[in-house]
Amino acid sequence: MTEGKEGNASASDRPRVYPEVGAALLRARRESGMTQQQLADATGVSRITIQRIEQAHINPSFKTLEALAHGMGRTLTISFDA
C-alpha cells in the first residue's frame, strides 16, 4: 500500500523550525514589558501565533516578524554573523 499526499510526513520532510527566532521574540517581548495578548492587539498577529513562534512550533514569515518588532517599538534586524 502506498501513502498518498495526505499521509503523515516524516520528520525529515518537515521544514526545520528555528528555536532561536522564538527565543529572541520571547526575550524582546519580555524586555518590552508586553504580554502575548498585548503584542497581538498591537500587531494584529494572533496570540496563538505568537505563542507558537515563541515555543518553536512554527517559523514566522519576515512580514510577521517585522509586524511583531514594530509592535514592540523595535526594528527588525537580520544578521549573517560569522
N, C-alpha and C. Protein backbone atom coordinates (compact mmCIF):
# COMPACT_ATOMS: atom_id res chain seq x y z
N MET A 1 0.83 -1.17 0.00
CA MET A 1 0.00 0.00 0.00
C MET A 1 0.88 1.24 0.00
N THR A 2 0.60 2.20 -0.87
CA THR A 2 1.39 3.42 -0.91
C THR A 2 0.65 4.53 -0.20
N GLU A 3 1.41 5.46 0.29
CA GLU A 3 0.85 6.57 1.04
C GLU A 3 0.61 7.74 0.10
N GLY A 4 -0.57 8.30 0.13
CA GLY A 4 -0.92 9.43 -0.72
C GLY A 4 -0.40 10.73 -0.16
N LYS A 5 -0.73 11.81 -0.82
CA LYS A 5 -0.29 13.14 -0.40
C LYS A 5 -0.77 13.50 1.00
N GLU A 6 -1.86 12.90 1.43
CA GLU A 6 -2.42 13.26 2.72
C GLU A 6 -1.84 12.43 3.85
N GLY A 7 -0.90 11.56 3.57
CA GLY A 7 -0.29 10.73 4.61
C GLY A 7 0.61 11.57 5.50
N ASN A 8 1.03 10.99 6.61
CA ASN A 8 1.89 11.70 7.54
C ASN A 8 3.27 11.90 6.94
N ALA A 9 3.77 13.12 7.03
CA ALA A 9 5.11 13.41 6.56
C ALA A 9 6.11 12.97 7.62
N SER A 10 7.24 12.47 7.18
CA SER A 10 8.27 12.09 8.14
C SER A 10 8.96 13.36 8.65
N ALA A 11 9.70 13.21 9.74
CA ALA A 11 10.38 14.36 10.33
C ALA A 11 11.33 15.01 9.34
N SER A 12 11.94 14.22 8.47
CA SER A 12 12.89 14.78 7.51
C SER A 12 12.20 15.55 6.39
N ASP A 13 10.89 15.33 6.21
CA ASP A 13 10.14 16.05 5.18
C ASP A 13 9.63 17.40 5.66
N ARG A 14 9.56 17.59 6.96
CA ARG A 14 9.04 18.84 7.52
C ARG A 14 10.12 19.90 7.51
N PRO A 15 9.73 21.17 7.31
CA PRO A 15 10.74 22.23 7.36
C PRO A 15 11.31 22.36 8.77
N ARG A 16 12.57 22.73 8.85
CA ARG A 16 13.23 22.90 10.14
C ARG A 16 12.65 24.14 10.83
N VAL A 17 12.36 24.02 12.11
CA VAL A 17 11.91 25.16 12.90
C VAL A 17 13.13 25.70 13.64
N TYR A 18 13.26 27.02 13.66
CA TYR A 18 14.42 27.67 14.26
C TYR A 18 14.07 28.21 15.64
N PRO A 19 14.43 27.49 16.71
CA PRO A 19 14.05 27.92 18.05
C PRO A 19 14.69 29.25 18.46
N GLU A 20 15.79 29.62 17.82
CA GLU A 20 16.45 30.89 18.14
C GLU A 20 15.52 32.07 17.86
N VAL A 21 14.69 31.95 16.84
CA VAL A 21 13.76 33.02 16.49
C VAL A 21 12.73 33.19 17.60
N GLY A 22 12.17 32.09 18.05
CA GLY A 22 11.19 32.15 19.13
C GLY A 22 11.79 32.67 20.42
N ALA A 23 13.01 32.25 20.73
CA ALA A 23 13.68 32.71 21.95
C ALA A 23 13.95 34.21 21.88
N ALA A 24 14.33 34.69 20.70
CA ALA A 24 14.58 36.13 20.54
C ALA A 24 13.29 36.92 20.67
N LEU A 25 12.21 36.41 20.11
CA LEU A 25 10.92 37.08 20.24
C LEU A 25 10.48 37.13 21.70
N LEU A 26 10.58 36.02 22.39
CA LEU A 26 10.19 35.96 23.80
C LEU A 26 11.01 36.96 24.62
N ARG A 27 12.31 37.00 24.41
CA ARG A 27 13.19 37.91 25.14
C ARG A 27 12.81 39.37 24.86
N ALA A 28 12.59 39.71 23.58
CA ALA A 28 12.24 41.08 23.21
C ALA A 28 10.88 41.47 23.78
N ARG A 29 9.93 40.55 23.72
CA ARG A 29 8.59 40.85 24.25
C ARG A 29 8.65 41.10 25.74
N ARG A 30 9.39 40.29 26.46
CA ARG A 30 9.51 40.47 27.92
C ARG A 30 10.25 41.78 28.24
N GLU A 31 11.31 42.09 27.47
CA GLU A 31 12.03 43.35 27.67
C GLU A 31 11.12 44.55 27.41
N SER A 32 10.16 44.37 26.52
CA SER A 32 9.21 45.44 26.20
C SER A 32 8.09 45.53 27.22
N GLY A 33 8.03 44.56 28.14
CA GLY A 33 7.02 44.55 29.19
C GLY A 33 5.63 44.24 28.67
N MET A 34 5.55 43.47 27.58
CA MET A 34 4.26 43.16 26.96
C MET A 34 3.89 41.70 27.18
N THR A 35 2.59 41.46 27.31
CA THR A 35 2.09 40.09 27.30
C THR A 35 1.90 39.68 25.84
N GLN A 36 1.69 38.39 25.63
CA GLN A 36 1.40 37.92 24.28
C GLN A 36 0.14 38.61 23.75
N GLN A 37 -0.87 38.77 24.60
CA GLN A 37 -2.12 39.39 24.16
C GLN A 37 -1.92 40.86 23.81
N GLN A 38 -1.13 41.57 24.59
CA GLN A 38 -0.85 42.98 24.27
C GLN A 38 -0.13 43.11 22.94
N LEU A 39 0.82 42.22 22.69
CA LEU A 39 1.54 42.24 21.42
C LEU A 39 0.60 41.89 20.28
N ALA A 40 -0.26 40.92 20.50
CA ALA A 40 -1.24 40.55 19.49
C ALA A 40 -2.15 41.73 19.15
N ASP A 41 -2.63 42.42 20.17
CA ASP A 41 -3.51 43.57 19.96
C ASP A 41 -2.79 44.69 19.21
N ALA A 42 -1.50 44.86 19.48
CA ALA A 42 -0.73 45.93 18.85
C ALA A 42 -0.37 45.63 17.40
N THR A 43 -0.38 44.35 17.03
CA THR A 43 0.14 43.96 15.71
C THR A 43 -0.89 43.33 14.77
N GLY A 44 -1.96 42.79 15.33
CA GLY A 44 -2.90 42.04 14.50
C GLY A 44 -2.47 40.60 14.27
N VAL A 45 -1.35 40.20 14.86
CA VAL A 45 -0.90 38.80 14.82
C VAL A 45 -1.56 38.10 16.00
N SER A 46 -2.18 36.97 15.78
CA SER A 46 -2.93 36.32 16.86
C SER A 46 -2.01 35.89 18.00
N ARG A 47 -2.58 35.87 19.21
CA ARG A 47 -1.83 35.43 20.38
C ARG A 47 -1.36 33.99 20.21
N ILE A 48 -2.18 33.17 19.61
CA ILE A 48 -1.81 31.77 19.39
C ILE A 48 -0.59 31.68 18.47
N THR A 49 -0.56 32.50 17.43
CA THR A 49 0.60 32.51 16.53
C THR A 49 1.85 32.94 17.27
N ILE A 50 1.74 33.98 18.08
CA ILE A 50 2.89 34.45 18.87
C ILE A 50 3.36 33.33 19.79
N GLN A 51 2.42 32.67 20.45
CA GLN A 51 2.77 31.56 21.34
C GLN A 51 3.48 30.44 20.57
N ARG A 52 2.98 30.11 19.40
CA ARG A 52 3.58 29.02 18.62
C ARG A 52 4.98 29.40 18.13
N ILE A 53 5.21 30.67 17.82
CA ILE A 53 6.55 31.11 17.42
C ILE A 53 7.49 30.99 18.62
N GLU A 54 7.06 31.53 19.76
CA GLU A 54 7.91 31.51 20.96
C GLU A 54 8.24 30.09 21.40
N GLN A 55 7.34 29.16 21.20
CA GLN A 55 7.56 27.78 21.61
C GLN A 55 8.21 26.94 20.51
N ALA A 56 8.64 27.59 19.43
CA ALA A 56 9.35 26.93 18.32
C ALA A 56 8.51 25.84 17.65
N HIS A 57 7.21 26.12 17.51
CA HIS A 57 6.35 25.20 16.78
C HIS A 57 6.23 25.59 15.31
N ILE A 58 6.44 26.89 15.02
CA ILE A 58 6.35 27.37 13.64
C ILE A 58 7.43 28.41 13.38
N ASN A 59 7.77 28.57 12.11
CA ASN A 59 8.65 29.64 11.67
C ASN A 59 7.79 30.78 11.15
N PRO A 60 7.98 32.00 11.67
CA PRO A 60 7.20 33.12 11.17
C PRO A 60 7.76 33.64 9.85
N SER A 61 6.92 34.30 9.08
CA SER A 61 7.38 34.97 7.87
C SER A 61 8.12 36.25 8.28
N PHE A 62 8.88 36.82 7.35
CA PHE A 62 9.55 38.09 7.63
C PHE A 62 8.52 39.18 7.86
N LYS A 63 7.42 39.13 7.15
CA LYS A 63 6.35 40.11 7.33
C LYS A 63 5.81 40.06 8.75
N THR A 64 5.60 38.86 9.28
CA THR A 64 5.13 38.71 10.65
C THR A 64 6.18 39.20 11.64
N LEU A 65 7.43 38.84 11.43
CA LEU A 65 8.49 39.30 12.32
C LEU A 65 8.59 40.83 12.34
N GLU A 66 8.45 41.44 11.18
CA GLU A 66 8.51 42.90 11.10
C GLU A 66 7.35 43.53 11.87
N ALA A 67 6.14 42.97 11.71
CA ALA A 67 4.98 43.47 12.44
C ALA A 67 5.19 43.34 13.95
N LEU A 68 5.72 42.20 14.39
CA LEU A 68 5.96 41.99 15.81
C LEU A 68 7.00 42.96 16.34
N ALA A 69 8.07 43.16 15.59
CA ALA A 69 9.11 44.11 16.01
C ALA A 69 8.53 45.51 16.14
N HIS A 70 7.79 45.95 15.14
CA HIS A 70 7.20 47.29 15.18
C HIS A 70 6.20 47.42 16.32
N GLY A 71 5.47 46.36 16.61
CA GLY A 71 4.52 46.37 17.71
C GLY A 71 5.18 46.56 19.07
N MET A 72 6.46 46.22 19.15
CA MET A 72 7.23 46.40 20.39
C MET A 72 8.07 47.67 20.34
N GLY A 73 7.90 48.46 19.26
CA GLY A 73 8.69 49.68 19.11
C GLY A 73 10.13 49.42 18.73
N ARG A 74 10.36 48.30 18.07
CA ARG A 74 11.72 47.91 17.67
C ARG A 74 11.79 47.80 16.15
N THR A 75 13.00 47.69 15.67
CA THR A 75 13.20 47.42 14.25
C THR A 75 13.68 45.98 14.10
N LEU A 76 13.34 45.36 12.99
CA LEU A 76 13.78 44.01 12.73
C LEU A 76 15.18 44.08 12.10
N THR A 77 16.11 43.39 12.72
CA THR A 77 17.48 43.34 12.21
C THR A 77 17.84 41.89 11.94
N ILE A 78 18.37 41.64 10.75
CA ILE A 78 18.80 40.31 10.38
C ILE A 78 20.30 40.34 10.19
N SER A 79 20.98 39.38 10.76
CA SER A 79 22.44 39.37 10.71
C SER A 79 22.94 38.00 10.22
N PHE A 80 23.96 38.04 9.41
CA PHE A 80 24.64 36.82 8.97
C PHE A 80 26.03 36.84 9.63
N ASP A 81 26.04 36.67 10.94
CA ASP A 81 27.28 36.72 11.70
C ASP A 81 28.20 35.57 11.29
N ALA A 82 29.47 35.85 11.37
CA ALA A 82 30.48 34.83 11.06
C ALA A 82 30.81 34.04 12.28
